[in-house]
Amino acid sequence: MNTIKKYLGLVWIALAVYSYSILLKTAIERMKLVPTTDTIIQWSIFAIIFLPIAIGFVMFGWMAFKGAYDHLPASSNEVED
């Protein structure tokens, strides 16, 4: 199961990079198609808001790949500070 978690971590990283690149590509195409202030502001906000989400996906995937989730606690007694 830990091996699957590690490989899925790579999938999360790839998914984050791919989805953000598609978002940026679409934003640039839409801004070139209709270069009004409304369109530029709208797509800029989409890109800015989704950037931390994509970074979080990359961090989650990296931690899964490095093995941070190999042992998950079964109860609150096993949680360490």
PDB file of N, CA and C in Angstrom:
ATOM      1  N   MET A   1       0.813  -1.190   0.000  1.00  0.00           N
ATOM      2  CA  MET A   1       0.000   0.000   0.000  1.00  0.00           C
ATOM      3  C   MET A   1       0.863   1.263   0.000  1.00  0.00           C
ATOM      4  N   ASN A   2       1.996   1.230   0.694  1.00  0.00           N
ATOM      5  CA  ASN A   2       2.873   2.397   0.730  1.00  0.00           C
ATOM      6  C   ASN A   2       3.455   2.712  -0.637  1.00  0.00           C
ATOM      7  N   THR A   3       3.707   1.680  -1.430  1.00  0.00           N
ATOM      8  CA  THR A   3       4.215   1.890  -2.782  1.00  0.00           C
ATOM      9  C   THR A   3       3.167   2.591  -3.640  1.00  0.00           C
ATOM     10  N   ILE A   4       1.919   2.202  -3.469  1.00  0.00           N
ATOM     11  CA  ILE A   4       0.835   2.849  -4.208  1.00  0.00           C
ATOM     12  C   ILE A   4       0.734   4.318  -3.807  1.00  0.00           C
ATOM     13  N   LYS A   5       0.881   4.609  -2.524  1.00  0.00           N
ATOM     14  CA  LYS A   5       0.828   5.995  -2.055  1.00  0.00           C
ATOM     15  C   LYS A   5       1.940   6.822  -2.690  1.00  0.00           C
ATOM     16  N   LYS A   6       3.127   6.221  -2.809  1.00  0.00           N
ATOM     17  CA  LYS A   6       4.245   6.951  -3.396  1.00  0.00           C
ATOM     18  C   LYS A   6       3.998   7.245  -4.870  1.00  0.00           C
ATOM     19  N   TYR A   7       3.494   6.274  -5.600  1.00  0.00           N
ATOM     20  CA  TYR A   7       3.221   6.500  -7.016  1.00  0.00           C
ATOM     21  C   TYR A   7       2.065   7.477  -7.211  1.00  0.00           C
ATOM     22  N   LEU A   8       1.071   7.422  -6.336  1.00  0.00           N
ATOM     23  CA  LEU A   8      -0.027   8.380  -6.429  1.00  0.00           C
ATOM     24  C   LEU A   8       0.438   9.794  -6.082  1.00  0.00           C
ATOM     25  N   GLY A   9       1.483   9.900  -5.279  1.00  0.00           N
ATOM     26  CA  GLY A   9       2.077  11.212  -5.019  1.00  0.00           C
ATOM     27  C   GLY A   9       2.619  11.832  -6.296  1.00  0.00           C
ATOM     28  N   LEU A  10       3.249  11.017  -7.123  1.00  0.00           N
ATOM     29  CA  LEU A  10       3.729  11.504  -8.416  1.00  0.00           C
ATOM     30  C   LEU A  10       2.568  11.887  -9.322  1.00  0.00           C
ATOM     31  N   VAL A  11       1.476  11.137  -9.225  1.00  0.00           N
ATOM     32  CA  VAL A  11       0.282  11.463 -10.013  1.00  0.00           C
ATOM     33  C   VAL A  11      -0.278  12.814  -9.580  1.00  0.00           C
ATOM     34  N   TRP A  12      -0.320  13.087  -8.270  1.00  0.00           N
ATOM     35  CA  TRP A  12      -0.807  14.373  -7.774  1.00  0.00           C
ATOM     36  C   TRP A  12       0.058  15.514  -8.288  1.00  0.00           C
ATOM     37  N   ILE A  13       1.367  15.324  -8.273  1.00  0.00           N
ATOM     38  CA  ILE A  13       2.271  16.367  -8.764  1.00  0.00           C
ATOM     39  C   ILE A  13       2.019  16.627 -10.238  1.00  0.00           C
ATOM     40  N   ALA A  14       1.941  15.564 -11.016  1.00  0.00           N
ATOM     41  CA  ALA A  14       1.714  15.716 -12.454  1.00  0.00           C
ATOM     42  C   ALA A  14       0.353  16.347 -12.731  1.00  0.00           C
ATOM     43  N   LEU A  15      -0.651  15.954 -11.974  1.00  0.00           N
ATOM     44  CA  LEU A  15      -1.991  16.504 -12.157  1.00  0.00           C
ATOM     45  C   LEU A  15      -2.020  18.000 -11.845  1.00  0.00           C
ATOM     46  N   ALA A  16      -1.330  18.416 -10.808  1.00  0.00           N
ATOM     47  CA  ALA A  16      -1.298  19.837 -10.441  1.00  0.00           C
ATOM     48  C   ALA A  16      -0.610  20.662 -11.529  1.00  0.00           C
ATOM     49  N   VAL A  17       0.520  20.184 -11.999  1.00  0.00           N
ATOM     50  CA  VAL A  17       1.257  20.923 -13.028  1.00  0.00           C
ATOM     51  C   VAL A  17       0.463  20.964 -14.333  1.00  0.00           C
ATOM     52  N   TYR A  18      -0.114  19.844 -14.702  1.00  0.00           N
ATOM     53  CA  TYR A  18      -0.876  19.769 -15.955  1.00  0.00           C
ATOM     54  C   TYR A  18      -2.123  20.652 -15.897  1.00  0.00           C
ATOM     55  N   SER A  19      -2.861  20.588 -14.804  1.00  0.00           N
ATOM     56  CA  SER A  19      -4.095  21.375 -14.716  1.00  0.00           C
ATOM     57  C   SER A  19      -3.796  22.872 -14.681  1.00  0.00           C
ATOM     58  N   TYR A  20      -2.733  23.275 -13.988  1.00  0.00           N
ATOM     59  CA  TYR A  20      -2.409  24.697 -13.953  1.00  0.00           C
ATOM     60  C   TYR A  20      -1.902  25.184 -15.303  1.00  0.00           C
ATOM     61  N   SER A  21      -1.166  24.341 -16.006  1.00  0.00           N
ATOM     62  CA  SER A  21      -0.699  24.747 -17.334  1.00  0.00           C
ATOM     63  C   SER A  21      -1.872  24.889 -18.299  1.00  0.00           C
ATOM     64  N   ILE A  22      -2.866  24.008 -18.190  1.00  0.00           N
ATOM     65  CA  ILE A  22      -4.067  24.135 -19.035  1.00  0.00           C
ATOM     66  C   ILE A  22      -4.817  25.419 -18.686  1.00  0.00           C
ATOM     67  N   LEU A  23      -4.917  25.729 -17.392  1.00  0.00           N
ATOM     68  CA  LEU A  23      -5.590  26.955 -16.987  1.00  0.00           C
ATOM     69  C   LEU A  23      -4.873  28.180 -17.547  1.00  0.00           C
ATOM     70  N   LEU A  24      -3.547  28.206 -17.454  1.00  0.00           N
ATOM     71  CA  LEU A  24      -2.806  29.347 -17.981  1.00  0.00           C
ATOM     72  C   LEU A  24      -2.937  29.447 -19.496  1.00  0.00           C
ATOM     73  N   LYS A  25      -2.888  28.318 -20.183  1.00  0.00           N
ATOM     74  CA  LYS A  25      -3.032  28.316 -21.639  1.00  0.00           C
ATOM     75  C   LYS A  25      -4.397  28.859 -22.040  1.00  0.00           C
ATOM     76  N   THR A  26      -5.437  28.412 -21.360  1.00  0.00           N
ATOM     77  CA  THR A  26      -6.789  28.886 -21.647  1.00  0.00           C
ATOM     78  C   THR A  26      -6.919  30.371 -21.336  1.00  0.00           C
ATOM     79  N   ALA A  27      -6.343  30.814 -20.229  1.00  0.00           N
ATOM     80  CA  ALA A  27      -6.421  32.227 -19.858  1.00  0.00           C
ATOM     81  C   ALA A  27      -5.746  33.101 -20.904  1.00  0.00           C
ATOM     82  N   ILE A  28      -4.589  32.693 -21.357  1.00  0.00           N
ATOM     83  CA  ILE A  28      -3.869  33.486 -22.367  1.00  0.00           C
ATOM     84  C   ILE A  28      -4.652  33.523 -23.676  1.00  0.00           C
ATOM     85  N   GLU A  29      -5.220  32.376 -24.074  1.00  0.00           N
ATOM     86  CA  GLU A  29      -6.017  32.343 -25.306  1.00  0.00           C
ATOM     87  C   GLU A  29      -7.238  33.242 -25.198  1.00  0.00           C
ATOM     88  N   ARG A  30      -7.938  33.194 -24.082  1.00  0.00           N
ATOM     89  CA  ARG A  30      -9.141  34.015 -23.901  1.00  0.00           C
ATOM     90  C   ARG A  30      -8.803  35.501 -23.843  1.00  0.00           C
ATOM     91  N   MET A  31      -7.678  35.839 -23.210  1.00  0.00           N
ATOM     92  CA  MET A  31      -7.300  37.241 -23.130  1.00  0.00           C
ATOM     93  C   MET A  31      -6.891  37.781 -24.498  1.00  0.00           C
ATOM     94  N   LYS A  32      -6.306  36.930 -25.343  1.00  0.00           N
ATOM     95  CA  LYS A  32      -5.970  37.362 -26.698  1.00  0.00           C
ATOM     96  C   LYS A  32      -7.217  37.454 -27.573  1.00  0.00           C
ATOM     97  N   LEU A  33      -8.185  36.571 -27.323  1.00  0.00           N
ATOM     98  CA  LEU A  33      -9.399  36.541 -28.128  1.00  0.00           C
ATOM     99  C   LEU A  33     -10.268  37.770 -27.865  1.00  0.00           C
ATOM    100  N   VAL A  34     -10.475  38.087 -26.598  1.00  0.00           N
ATOM    101  CA  VAL A  34     -11.292  39.254 -26.213  1.00  0.00           C
ATOM    102  C   VAL A  34     -10.458  40.094 -25.244  1.00  0.00           C
ATOM    103  N   PRO A  35      -9.638  40.998 -25.763  1.00  0.00           N
ATOM    104  CA  PRO A  35      -8.738  41.754 -24.871  1.00  0.00           C
ATOM    105  C   PRO A  35      -9.413  42.948 -24.197  1.00  0.00           C
ATOM    106  N   THR A  36     -10.449  42.672 -23.437  1.00  0.00           N
ATOM    107  CA  THR A  36     -11.083  43.740 -22.664  1.00  0.00           C
ATOM    108  C   THR A  36     -10.603  43.662 -21.218  1.00  0.00           C
ATOM    109  N   THR A  37     -10.835  44.731 -20.495  1.00  0.00           N
ATOM    110  CA  THR A  37     -10.401  44.782 -19.096  1.00  0.00           C
ATOM    111  C   THR A  37     -11.108  43.723 -18.258  1.00  0.00           C
ATOM    112  N   ASP A  38     -12.393  43.507 -18.532  1.00  0.00           N
ATOM    113  CA  ASP A  38     -13.148  42.511 -17.771  1.00  0.00           C
ATOM    114  C   ASP A  38     -12.566  41.109 -17.939  1.00  0.00           C
ATOM    115  N   THR A  39     -12.238  40.756 -19.159  1.00  0.00           N
ATOM    116  CA  THR A  39     -11.689  39.428 -19.433  1.00  0.00           C
ATOM    117  C   THR A  39     -10.328  39.251 -18.785  1.00  0.00           C
ATOM    118  N   ILE A  40      -9.502  40.261 -18.882  1.00  0.00           N
ATOM    119  CA  ILE A  40      -8.160  40.179 -18.298  1.00  0.00           C
ATOM    120  C   ILE A  40      -8.237  40.035 -16.782  1.00  0.00           C
ATOM    121  N   ILE A  41      -9.099  40.821 -16.154  1.00  0.00           N
ATOM    122  CA  ILE A  41      -9.242  40.737 -14.690  1.00  0.00           C
ATOM    123  C   ILE A  41      -9.804  39.383 -14.282  1.00  0.00           C
ATOM    124  N   GLN A  42     -10.809  38.905 -15.011  1.00  0.00           N
ATOM    125  CA  GLN A  42     -11.432  37.622 -14.667  1.00  0.00           C
ATOM    126  C   GLN A  42     -10.423  36.476 -14.737  1.00  0.00           C
ATOM    127  N   TRP A  43      -9.690  36.366 -15.830  1.00  0.00           N
ATOM    128  CA  TRP A  43      -8.756  35.253 -15.975  1.00  0.00           C
ATOM    129  C   TRP A  43      -7.539  35.411 -15.073  1.00  0.00           C
ATOM    130  N   SER A  44      -7.156  36.640 -14.786  1.00  0.00           N
ATOM    131  CA  SER A  44      -6.053  36.847 -13.847  1.00  0.00           C
ATOM    132  C   SER A  44      -6.447  36.378 -12.448  1.00  0.00           C
ATOM    133  N   ILE A  45      -7.672  36.673 -12.060  1.00  0.00           N
ATOM    134  CA  ILE A  45      -8.145  36.222 -10.744  1.00  0.00           C
ATOM    135  C   ILE A  45      -8.217  34.698 -10.691  1.00  0.00           C
ATOM    136  N   PHE A  46      -8.698  34.065 -11.761  1.00  0.00           N
ATOM    137  CA  PHE A  46      -8.727  32.597 -11.801  1.00  0.00           C
ATOM    138  C   PHE A  46      -7.324  32.029 -11.610  1.00  0.00           C
ATOM    139  N   ALA A  47      -6.356  32.584 -12.320  1.00  0.00           N
ATOM    140  CA  ALA A  47      -4.982  32.075 -12.251  1.00  0.00           C
ATOM    141  C   ALA A  47      -4.378  32.308 -10.868  1.00  0.00           C
ATOM    142  N   ILE A  48      -4.636  33.469 -10.290  1.00  0.00           N
ATOM    143  CA  ILE A  48      -4.072  33.785  -8.972  1.00  0.00           C
ATOM    144  C   ILE A  48      -4.684  32.912  -7.886  1.00  0.00           C
ATOM    145  N   ILE A  49      -5.986  32.680  -7.954  1.00  0.00           N
ATOM    146  CA  ILE A  49      -6.650  31.877  -6.928  1.00  0.00           C
ATOM    147  C   ILE A  49      -6.268  30.402  -7.037  1.00  0.00           C
ATOM    148  N   PHE A  50      -6.098  29.902  -8.245  1.00  0.00           N
ATOM    149  CA  PHE A  50      -5.784  28.489  -8.388  1.00  0.00           C
ATOM    150  C   PHE A  50      -4.313  28.174  -8.128  1.00  0.00           C
ATOM    151  N   LEU A  51      -3.439  29.166  -8.160  1.00  0.00           N
ATOM    152  CA  LEU A  51      -2.013  28.914  -7.926  1.00  0.00           C
ATOM    153  C   LEU A  51      -1.728  28.301  -6.554  1.00  0.00           C
ATOM    154  N   PRO A  52      -2.262  28.819  -5.430  1.00  0.00           N
ATOM    155  CA  PRO A  52      -1.996  28.158  -4.147  1.00  0.00           C
ATOM    156  C   PRO A  52      -2.593  26.752  -4.066  1.00  0.00           C
ATOM    157  N   ILE A  53      -3.703  26.539  -4.753  1.00  0.00           N
ATOM    158  CA  ILE A  53      -4.300  25.203  -4.765  1.00  0.00           C
ATOM    159  C   ILE A  53      -3.366  24.232  -5.474  1.00  0.00           C
ATOM    160  N   ALA A  54      -2.823  24.648  -6.610  1.00  0.00           N
ATOM    161  CA  ALA A  54      -1.888  23.804  -7.353  1.00  0.00           C
ATOM    162  C   ALA A  54      -0.611  23.559  -6.543  1.00  0.00           C
ATOM    163  N   ILE A  55      -0.138  24.579  -5.862  1.00  0.00           N
ATOM    164  CA  ILE A  55       1.052  24.411  -5.016  1.00  0.00           C
ATOM    165  C   ILE A  55       0.760  23.422  -3.886  1.00  0.00           C
ATOM    166  N   GLY A  56      -0.434  23.499  -3.316  1.00  0.00           N
ATOM    167  CA  GLY A  56      -0.822  22.545  -2.269  1.00  0.00           C
ATOM    168  C   GLY A  56      -0.873  21.118  -2.786  1.00  0.00           C
ATOM    169  N   PHE A  57      -1.382  20.936  -4.006  1.00  0.00           N
ATOM    170  CA  PHE A  57      -1.383  19.596  -4.607  1.00  0.00           C
ATOM    171  C   PHE A  57       0.036  19.082  -4.800  1.00  0.00           C
ATOM    172  N   VAL A  58       0.939  19.960  -5.236  1.00  0.00           N
ATOM    173  CA  VAL A  58       2.336  19.552  -5.430  1.00  0.00           C
ATOM    174  C   VAL A  58       2.966  19.182  -4.090  1.00  0.00           C
ATOM    175  N   MET A  59       2.707  19.973  -3.055  1.00  0.00           N
ATOM    176  CA  MET A  59       3.263  19.671  -1.731  1.00  0.00           C
ATOM    177  C   MET A  59       2.718  18.354  -1.191  1.00  0.00           C
ATOM    178  N   PHE A  60       1.412  18.139  -1.345  1.00  0.00           N
ATOM    179  CA  PHE A  60       0.802  16.886  -0.900  1.00  0.00           C
ATOM    180  C   PHE A  60       1.407  15.704  -1.641  1.00  0.00           C
ATOM    181  N   GLY A  61       1.560  15.829  -2.954  1.00  0.00           N
ATOM    182  CA  GLY A  61       2.154  14.754  -3.740  1.00  0.00           C
ATOM    183  C   GLY A  61       3.604  14.490  -3.360  1.00  0.00           C
ATOM    184  N   TRP A  62       4.354  15.563  -3.102  1.00  0.00           N
ATOM    185  CA  TRP A  62       5.757  15.398  -2.716  1.00  0.00           C
ATOM    186  C   TRP A  62       5.874  14.694  -1.360  1.00  0.00           C
ATOM    187  N   MET A  63       5.015  15.069  -0.426  1.00  0.00           N
ATOM    188  CA  MET A  63       5.051  14.417   0.883  1.00  0.00           C
ATOM    189  C   MET A  63       4.642  12.951   0.777  1.00  0.00           C
ATOM    190  N   ALA A  64       3.672  12.657  -0.070  1.00  0.00           N
ATOM    191  CA  ALA A  64       3.271  11.262  -0.271  1.00  0.00           C
ATOM    192  C   ALA A  64       4.404  10.484  -0.926  1.00  0.00           C
ATOM    193  N   PHE A  65       5.081  11.097  -1.881  1.00  0.00           N
ATOM    194  CA  PHE A  65       6.200  10.431  -2.553  1.00  0.00           C
ATOM    195  C   PHE A  65       7.360  10.183  -1.598  1.00  0.00           C
ATOM    196  N   LYS A  66       7.593  11.119  -0.688  1.00  0.00           N
ATOM    197  CA  LYS A  66       8.690  10.970   0.270  1.00  0.00           C
ATOM    198  C   LYS A  66       8.351  10.017   1.415  1.00  0.00           C
ATOM    199  N   GLY A  67       7.085   9.604   1.558  1.00  0.00           N
ATOM    200  CA  GLY A  67       6.724   8.632   2.578  1.00  0.00           C
ATOM    201  C   GLY A  67       6.188   9.217   3.864  1.00  0.00           C
ATOM    202  N   ALA A  68       5.704  10.444   3.834  1.00  0.00           N
ATOM    203  CA  ALA A  68       5.183  11.069   5.048  1.00  0.00           C
ATOM    204  C   ALA A  68       3.886  10.427   5.515  1.00  0.00           C
ATOM    205  N   TYR A  69       3.199   9.744   4.629  1.00  0.00           N
ATOM    206  CA  TYR A  69       1.922   9.128   4.970  1.00  0.00           C
ATOM    207  C   TYR A  69       2.021   7.603   5.065  1.00  0.00           C
ATOM    208  N   ASP A  70       3.221   7.084   5.292  1.00  0.00           N
ATOM    209  CA  ASP A  70       3.385   5.632   5.375  1.00  0.00           C
ATOM    210  C   ASP A  70       2.696   5.048   6.609  1.00  0.00           C
ATOM    211  N   HIS A  71       2.793   5.737   7.736  1.00  0.00           N
ATOM    212  CA  HIS A  71       2.130   5.261   8.951  1.00  0.00           C
ATOM    213  C   HIS A  71       1.113   6.310   9.387  1.00  0.00           C
ATOM    214  N   LEU A  72      -0.144   5.983   9.247  1.00  0.00           N
ATOM    215  CA  LEU A  72      -1.207   6.871   9.691  1.00  0.00           C
ATOM    216  C   LEU A  72      -1.749   6.354  11.024  1.00  0.00           C
ATOM    217  N   PRO A  73      -1.987   7.233  11.990  1.00  0.00           N
ATOM    218  CA  PRO A  73      -2.474   6.780  13.301  1.00  0.00           C
ATOM    219  C   PRO A  73      -3.887   6.212  13.211  1.00  0.00           C
ATOM    220  N   ALA A  74      -4.108   5.132  13.962  1.00  0.00           N
ATOM    221  CA  ALA A  74      -5.420   4.507  13.996  1.00  0.00           C
ATOM    222  C   ALA A  74      -6.333   5.177  15.016  1.00  0.00           C
ATOM    223  N   SER A  75      -5.751   5.791  16.048  1.00  0.00           N
ATOM    224  CA  SER A  75      -6.554   6.491  17.049  1.00  0.00           C
ATOM    225  C   SER A  75      -5.793   7.744  17.483  1.00  0.00           C
ATOM    226  N   SER A  76      -6.458   8.568  18.259  1.00  0.00           N
ATOM    227  CA  SER A  76      -5.824   9.814  18.696  1.00  0.00           C
ATOM    228  C   SER A  76      -4.703   9.558  19.700  1.00  0.00           C
ATOM    229  N   ASN A  77      -4.661   8.382  20.300  1.00  0.00           N
ATOM    230  CA  ASN A  77      -3.589   8.045  21.235  1.00  0.00           C
ATOM    231  C   ASN A  77      -2.260   7.871  20.532  1.00  0.00           C
ATOM    232  N   GLU A  78      -2.291   7.549  19.247  1.00  0.00           N
ATOM    233  CA  GLU A  78      -1.058   7.339  18.504  1.00  0.00           C
ATOM    234  C   GLU A  78      -0.482   8.630  17.902  1.00  0.00           C
ATOM    235  N   VAL A  79      -1.192   9.729  18.015  1.00  0.00           N
ATOM    236  CA  VAL A  79      -0.742  10.990  17.431  1.00  0.00           C
ATOM    237  C   VAL A  79       0.419  11.537  18.268  1.00  0.00           C
ATOM    238  N   GLU A  80       1.492  11.890  17.570  1.00  0.00           N
ATOM    239  CA  GLU A  80       2.669  12.463  18.235  1.00  0.00           C
ATOM    240  C   GLU A  80       2.777  13.929  17.874  1.00  0.00           C
ATOM    241  N   ASP A  81       3.229  14.733  18.804  1.00  0.00           N
ATOM    242  CA  ASP A  81       3.417  16.173  18.540  1.00  0.00           C
ATOM    243  C   ASP A  81       4.769  16.432  17.945  1.00  0.00           C
TER     244      ASP A  81
END
